[in-house]
Amino acid sequence: MPRAFGVTGVDARGVAIVFGGAGDTPERYTADARAVTRVDEQGRPLVPLLRVPLEEGASWSYTLAERGVSVPCNAEVVRRDTAPREVAGARLAACVTVRRVCRYPAGAPFPLATTHDREETYCPDVGLVGETQRFSPPPAPGLLPAVLRERLVAWRVRGAPPSQAEGRLTCDDVLLLPSDVQAACGAALQPAGERTGADEEGACVFRYGGGGRTVDVRVRDARETHDEPAPRDGTVPGIALRTPHAAVDVAGCDDPRLTALLRSLLP
């Protein structure tokens, strides 16, 4: 199932705040010339994701504190690409693959001693583009699958190559986060249905509800329709806008912050 991640802010310390991971809480990251690190609310290091030198065989160790348990981990650069790879329609050079192994003792969060082995591929100007996670022994049924795979299908990064340079605008191109809608239209709003950004009759539809109100965001490829967004009659707040590639109609929210956000997200 597709998931959308996004940097929703960078604080005065240079900590990037990212929404879209597990649960509803944000993750925080720092990056400089020597390392990319996941940190806590106080900016203290939690997980060193990347460290220089990013050469094959380079490695680093650290201890992960999780639910009161100390988990020893080791990370190693296992591959540095010598040729560009294709990611979401673009060719990216100098990508690296890191293998990260953490060994959990018996107890929490796993009843048996468990090895968490993951391979993560990072590309310059984009970040994480794919990962494979394996758990040994497999977790109990219903907890986690023994193998998890994820790959990047689309992104928006200022100055980076476009993820969909040509072709039809799809829901993978509309990276609208629930936290974006909540910030502009109301904290009580929650995604409606199994997923947001579902394709319905050629439109990418996002639905939210909560606090006695609903918000619908509908995005169409402007190259496939010449219809202008529907005019508003004043009874329901809304937004109607068009970008070079997308026609957008919002019902239930007319906050100008959402208008600016949608213009920044859409090609």
Protein backbone atom coordinates (compact mmCIF):
# COMPACT_ATOMS: atom_id res chain seq x y z
CA MET A 1 0.00 0.00 0.00
CA PRO A 2 1.48 3.40 -0.95
CA ARG A 3 2.59 5.74 1.84
CA ALA A 4 3.55 9.40 1.60
CA PHE A 5 6.37 10.95 3.64
CA GLY A 6 7.18 14.63 3.79
CA VAL A 7 9.38 17.15 5.54
CA THR A 8 6.88 19.55 7.09
CA GLY A 9 9.39 21.85 8.75
CA VAL A 10 12.99 22.47 9.80
CA ASP A 11 13.52 24.00 13.24
CA ALA A 12 16.15 26.52 14.33
CA ARG A 13 18.59 23.69 15.13
CA GLY A 14 18.40 22.36 11.58
CA VAL A 15 16.31 19.35 12.61
CA ALA A 16 13.98 18.21 9.81
CA ILE A 17 10.52 17.09 10.96
CA VAL A 18 9.10 14.26 8.85
CA PHE A 19 5.52 12.96 8.85
CA GLY A 20 4.30 9.77 7.22
CA GLY A 21 6.10 7.03 9.16
CA ALA A 22 4.63 4.51 11.56
CA GLY A 23 1.86 5.93 13.73
CA ASP A 24 0.89 9.58 13.91
CA THR A 25 4.08 10.91 15.53
CA PRO A 26 6.74 12.75 13.53
CA GLU A 27 10.30 11.57 13.01
CA ARG A 28 13.24 13.97 13.21
CA TYR A 29 16.50 13.98 11.26
CA THR A 30 19.70 15.99 11.03
CA ALA A 31 22.13 16.06 8.11
CA ASP A 32 25.60 17.55 7.67
CA ALA A 33 28.76 16.81 5.70
CA ARG A 34 29.60 13.80 7.87
CA ALA A 35 26.34 12.06 8.73
CA VAL A 36 22.58 11.73 8.42
CA THR A 37 21.06 10.87 11.79
CA ARG A 38 17.63 10.21 13.21
CA VAL A 39 17.29 12.17 16.47
CA ASP A 40 14.81 12.60 19.33
CA GLU A 41 12.83 15.73 20.25
CA GLN A 42 15.87 17.18 22.02
CA GLY A 43 18.09 16.55 19.00
CA ARG A 44 19.96 13.67 20.62
CA PRO A 45 21.15 10.94 18.19
CA LEU A 46 19.03 7.81 17.94
CA VAL A 47 20.07 6.07 14.70
CA PRO A 48 23.09 7.04 12.55
CA LEU A 49 21.67 6.29 9.09
CA LEU A 50 24.70 7.30 7.01
CA ARG A 51 28.28 8.18 7.90
CA VAL A 52 31.24 9.12 5.78
CA PRO A 53 33.15 7.64 4.12
CA LEU A 54 30.41 6.09 1.98
CA GLU A 55 32.71 3.49 0.49
CA GLU A 56 32.15 -0.25 0.25
CA GLY A 57 33.24 -1.94 3.46
CA ALA A 58 32.90 1.17 5.65
CA SER A 59 30.97 0.34 8.84
CA TRP A 60 29.80 1.78 12.15
CA SER A 61 28.20 0.40 15.31
CA TYR A 62 25.70 1.89 17.74
CA THR A 63 23.19 0.90 20.41
CA LEU A 64 19.48 1.38 19.87
CA ALA A 65 17.33 2.00 22.95
CA GLU A 66 13.84 0.64 22.38
CA ARG A 67 11.19 0.14 25.06
CA GLY A 68 13.84 0.12 27.76
CA VAL A 69 15.94 -2.51 25.95
CA SER A 70 19.49 -1.93 24.64
CA VAL A 71 19.80 -3.33 21.12
CA PRO A 72 23.29 -3.62 19.53
CA CYS A 73 23.36 -2.67 15.84
CA ASN A 74 25.95 -2.62 13.08
CA ALA A 75 25.73 -0.88 9.70
CA GLU A 76 27.96 -1.45 6.68
CA VAL A 77 28.11 0.03 3.19
CA VAL A 78 27.75 -3.07 1.02
CA ARG A 79 27.48 -1.42 -2.39
CA ARG A 80 28.24 1.88 -4.08
CA ASP A 81 26.78 2.15 -7.58
CA THR A 82 29.24 2.61 -10.40
CA ALA A 83 26.46 3.30 -12.92
CA PRO A 84 23.20 5.28 -12.62
CA ARG A 85 20.10 3.42 -11.52
CA GLU A 86 16.51 4.20 -12.57
CA VAL A 87 14.24 5.35 -9.75
CA ALA A 88 10.65 6.45 -10.41
CA GLY A 89 11.44 7.39 -14.00
CA ALA A 90 14.73 9.22 -13.33
CA ARG A 91 18.36 8.05 -13.53
CA LEU A 92 20.22 8.64 -10.26
CA ALA A 93 23.99 8.29 -9.85
CA ALA A 94 26.27 7.47 -6.90
CA CYS A 95 23.63 5.61 -4.87
CA VAL A 96 24.79 3.51 -1.91
CA THR A 97 23.31 0.45 -0.20
CA VAL A 98 23.70 0.00 3.54
CA ARG A 99 23.08 -3.27 5.39
CA ARG A 100 21.93 -2.68 8.95
CA VAL A 101 21.69 -5.55 11.47
CA CYS A 102 20.17 -5.15 14.94
CA ARG A 103 19.96 -8.03 17.41
CA TYR A 104 17.05 -7.88 19.86
CA PRO A 105 17.24 -9.92 23.08
CA ALA A 106 14.27 -12.02 24.11
CA GLY A 107 11.55 -9.97 25.74
CA ALA A 108 10.15 -6.71 24.35
CA PRO A 109 9.33 -6.02 21.57
CA PHE A 110 9.93 -9.66 20.47
CA PRO A 111 9.29 -12.63 22.79
CA LEU A 112 12.22 -14.52 21.20
CA ALA A 113 15.72 -13.24 20.47
CA THR A 114 15.31 -11.71 17.00
CA THR A 115 17.67 -10.42 14.32
CA HIS A 116 16.39 -7.47 12.30
CA ASP A 117 18.32 -7.30 9.02
CA ARG A 118 17.61 -4.51 6.56
CA GLU A 119 19.15 -3.29 3.31
CA GLU A 120 18.62 0.40 2.56
CA THR A 121 19.49 2.18 -0.68
CA TYR A 122 20.08 5.95 -0.64
CA CYS A 123 20.60 8.27 -3.61
CA PRO A 124 21.99 11.86 -3.59
CA ASP A 125 19.41 14.69 -3.61
CA VAL A 126 16.58 12.22 -2.95
CA GLY A 127 17.35 10.05 0.10
CA LEU A 128 15.99 6.57 0.80
CA VAL A 129 14.71 4.99 -2.43
CA GLY A 130 14.24 1.38 -1.36
CA GLU A 131 14.65 -1.04 1.50
CA THR A 132 14.16 -4.71 2.35
CA GLN A 133 13.64 -5.79 5.96
CA ARG A 134 13.92 -9.34 7.28
CA PHE A 135 13.15 -10.71 10.73
CA SER A 136 14.67 -13.96 12.01
CA PRO A 137 12.96 -15.88 13.45
CA PRO A 138 9.73 -14.60 11.85
CA PRO A 139 7.52 -12.62 14.25
CA ALA A 140 4.31 -14.13 15.55
CA PRO A 141 1.46 -14.12 12.99
CA GLY A 142 -0.30 -10.78 12.88
CA LEU A 143 2.63 -8.87 14.38
CA LEU A 144 4.90 -8.30 11.35
CA PRO A 145 5.63 -10.21 8.13
CA ALA A 146 8.99 -11.98 8.01
CA VAL A 147 10.01 -9.85 4.98
CA LEU A 148 9.04 -6.23 4.22
CA ARG A 149 9.91 -4.47 0.96
CA GLU A 150 9.39 -0.82 0.04
CA ARG A 151 10.50 1.28 -2.91
CA LEU A 152 10.18 4.92 -3.88
CA VAL A 153 7.65 5.47 -6.67
CA ALA A 154 7.52 9.30 -6.79
CA TRP A 155 8.94 12.34 -5.03
CA ARG A 156 9.15 16.11 -4.98
CA VAL A 157 12.48 17.64 -4.00
CA ARG A 158 13.47 21.16 -4.99
CA GLY A 159 16.38 20.97 -7.44
CA ALA A 160 16.23 17.18 -7.84
CA PRO A 161 15.35 15.35 -11.08
CA PRO A 162 11.57 15.06 -11.69
CA SER A 163 10.08 11.70 -10.78
CA GLN A 164 7.49 11.83 -13.57
CA ALA A 165 8.96 13.94 -16.37
CA GLU A 166 6.39 12.71 -18.87
CA GLY A 167 3.19 10.73 -18.93
CA ARG A 168 -0.11 10.91 -17.07
CA LEU A 169 -0.31 12.49 -13.63
CA THR A 170 -1.10 9.67 -11.16
CA CYS A 171 -1.91 9.51 -7.47
CA ASP A 172 1.72 8.61 -6.80
CA ASP A 173 2.61 12.14 -7.94
CA VAL A 174 0.28 13.87 -5.47
CA LEU A 175 2.20 13.66 -2.20
CA LEU A 176 -0.45 15.17 0.08
CA LEU A 177 0.09 14.21 3.74
CA PRO A 178 -2.70 14.00 6.34
CA SER A 179 -0.64 16.36 8.51
CA ASP A 180 -0.75 18.94 5.70
CA VAL A 181 -4.55 18.91 5.60
CA GLN A 182 -4.80 18.89 9.41
CA ALA A 183 -2.48 21.89 9.73
CA ALA A 184 -4.51 23.97 7.26
CA CYS A 185 -8.06 22.73 7.80
CA GLY A 186 -8.32 21.32 11.35
CA ALA A 187 -6.47 18.95 13.67
CA ALA A 188 -9.58 16.76 14.13
CA LEU A 189 -9.58 15.67 10.48
CA GLN A 190 -8.51 12.09 9.79
CA PRO A 191 -8.16 10.18 6.50
CA ALA A 192 -11.40 8.43 5.52
CA GLY A 193 -11.22 4.91 4.11
CA GLU A 194 -8.33 2.48 3.82
CA ARG A 195 -6.11 4.95 1.98
CA THR A 196 -6.12 8.49 0.74
CA GLY A 197 -5.17 9.39 -2.78
CA ALA A 198 -7.34 6.70 -4.37
CA ASP A 199 -7.93 6.79 -8.12
CA GLU A 200 -11.65 7.27 -8.80
CA GLU A 201 -12.77 7.65 -12.43
CA GLY A 202 -9.55 9.32 -13.49
CA ALA A 203 -9.26 11.60 -10.46
CA CYS A 204 -7.00 11.26 -7.43
CA VAL A 205 -9.29 11.69 -4.42
CA PHE A 206 -8.32 12.45 -0.81
CA ARG A 207 -11.08 12.34 1.84
CA TYR A 208 -10.90 13.46 5.45
CA GLY A 209 -13.46 13.65 8.24
CA GLY A 210 -13.68 14.64 11.90
CA GLY A 211 -15.07 17.25 14.24
CA GLY A 212 -18.39 17.25 12.43
CA ARG A 213 -16.97 18.21 9.03
CA THR A 214 -15.50 16.64 5.90
CA VAL A 215 -12.86 17.74 3.43
CA ASP A 216 -12.47 16.27 -0.07
CA VAL A 217 -9.51 17.01 -2.34
CA ARG A 218 -9.90 15.94 -5.98
CA VAL A 219 -6.97 16.19 -8.43
CA ARG A 220 -7.19 15.54 -12.18
CA ASP A 221 -4.55 15.57 -14.89
CA ALA A 222 -5.09 18.93 -16.60
CA ARG A 223 -3.80 17.51 -19.89
CA GLU A 224 -6.70 15.03 -19.94
CA THR A 225 -9.48 17.50 -19.18
CA HIS A 226 -10.17 21.01 -20.37
CA ASP A 227 -12.89 21.58 -17.79
CA GLU A 228 -12.29 24.33 -15.27
CA PRO A 229 -12.70 23.41 -11.58
CA ALA A 230 -16.33 23.65 -10.49
CA PRO A 231 -17.40 27.13 -9.33
CA ARG A 232 -18.33 27.59 -5.67
CA ASP A 233 -21.86 28.60 -4.66
CA GLY A 234 -20.79 29.98 -1.28
CA THR A 235 -22.62 27.37 0.82
CA VAL A 236 -19.61 25.07 1.22
CA PRO A 237 -16.09 26.46 1.63
CA GLY A 238 -13.73 25.29 -1.05
CA ILE A 239 -10.78 25.86 -3.33
CA ALA A 240 -10.57 25.64 -7.12
CA LEU A 241 -7.18 25.97 -8.78
CA ARG A 242 -5.25 24.86 -11.83
CA THR A 243 -1.53 24.27 -12.32
CA PRO A 244 0.18 23.51 -15.66
CA HIS A 245 -0.47 19.79 -15.12
CA ALA A 246 -3.28 19.49 -12.57
CA ALA A 247 -6.83 20.70 -11.99
CA VAL A 248 -7.71 20.72 -8.27
CA ASP A 249 -11.08 21.00 -6.55
CA VAL A 250 -11.34 21.11 -2.73
CA ALA A 251 -14.66 20.92 -0.85
CA GLY A 252 -14.90 21.68 2.85
CA CYS A 253 -11.82 23.88 3.35
CA ASP A 254 -10.79 27.23 1.88
CA ASP A 255 -7.70 27.98 3.98
CA PRO A 256 -5.12 29.79 1.78
CA ARG A 257 -2.37 27.68 3.38
CA LEU A 258 -3.82 24.62 1.66
CA THR A 259 -3.92 26.48 -1.66
CA ALA A 260 -0.24 27.39 -1.37
CA LEU A 261 0.65 23.84 -0.34
CA LEU A 262 -1.19 22.27 -3.29
CA ARG A 263 0.54 24.64 -5.72
CA SER A 264 3.93 23.63 -4.29
CA LEU A 265 3.17 19.89 -4.49
CA LEU A 266 1.78 19.70 -8.01
CA PRO A 267 3.83 19.97 -11.20
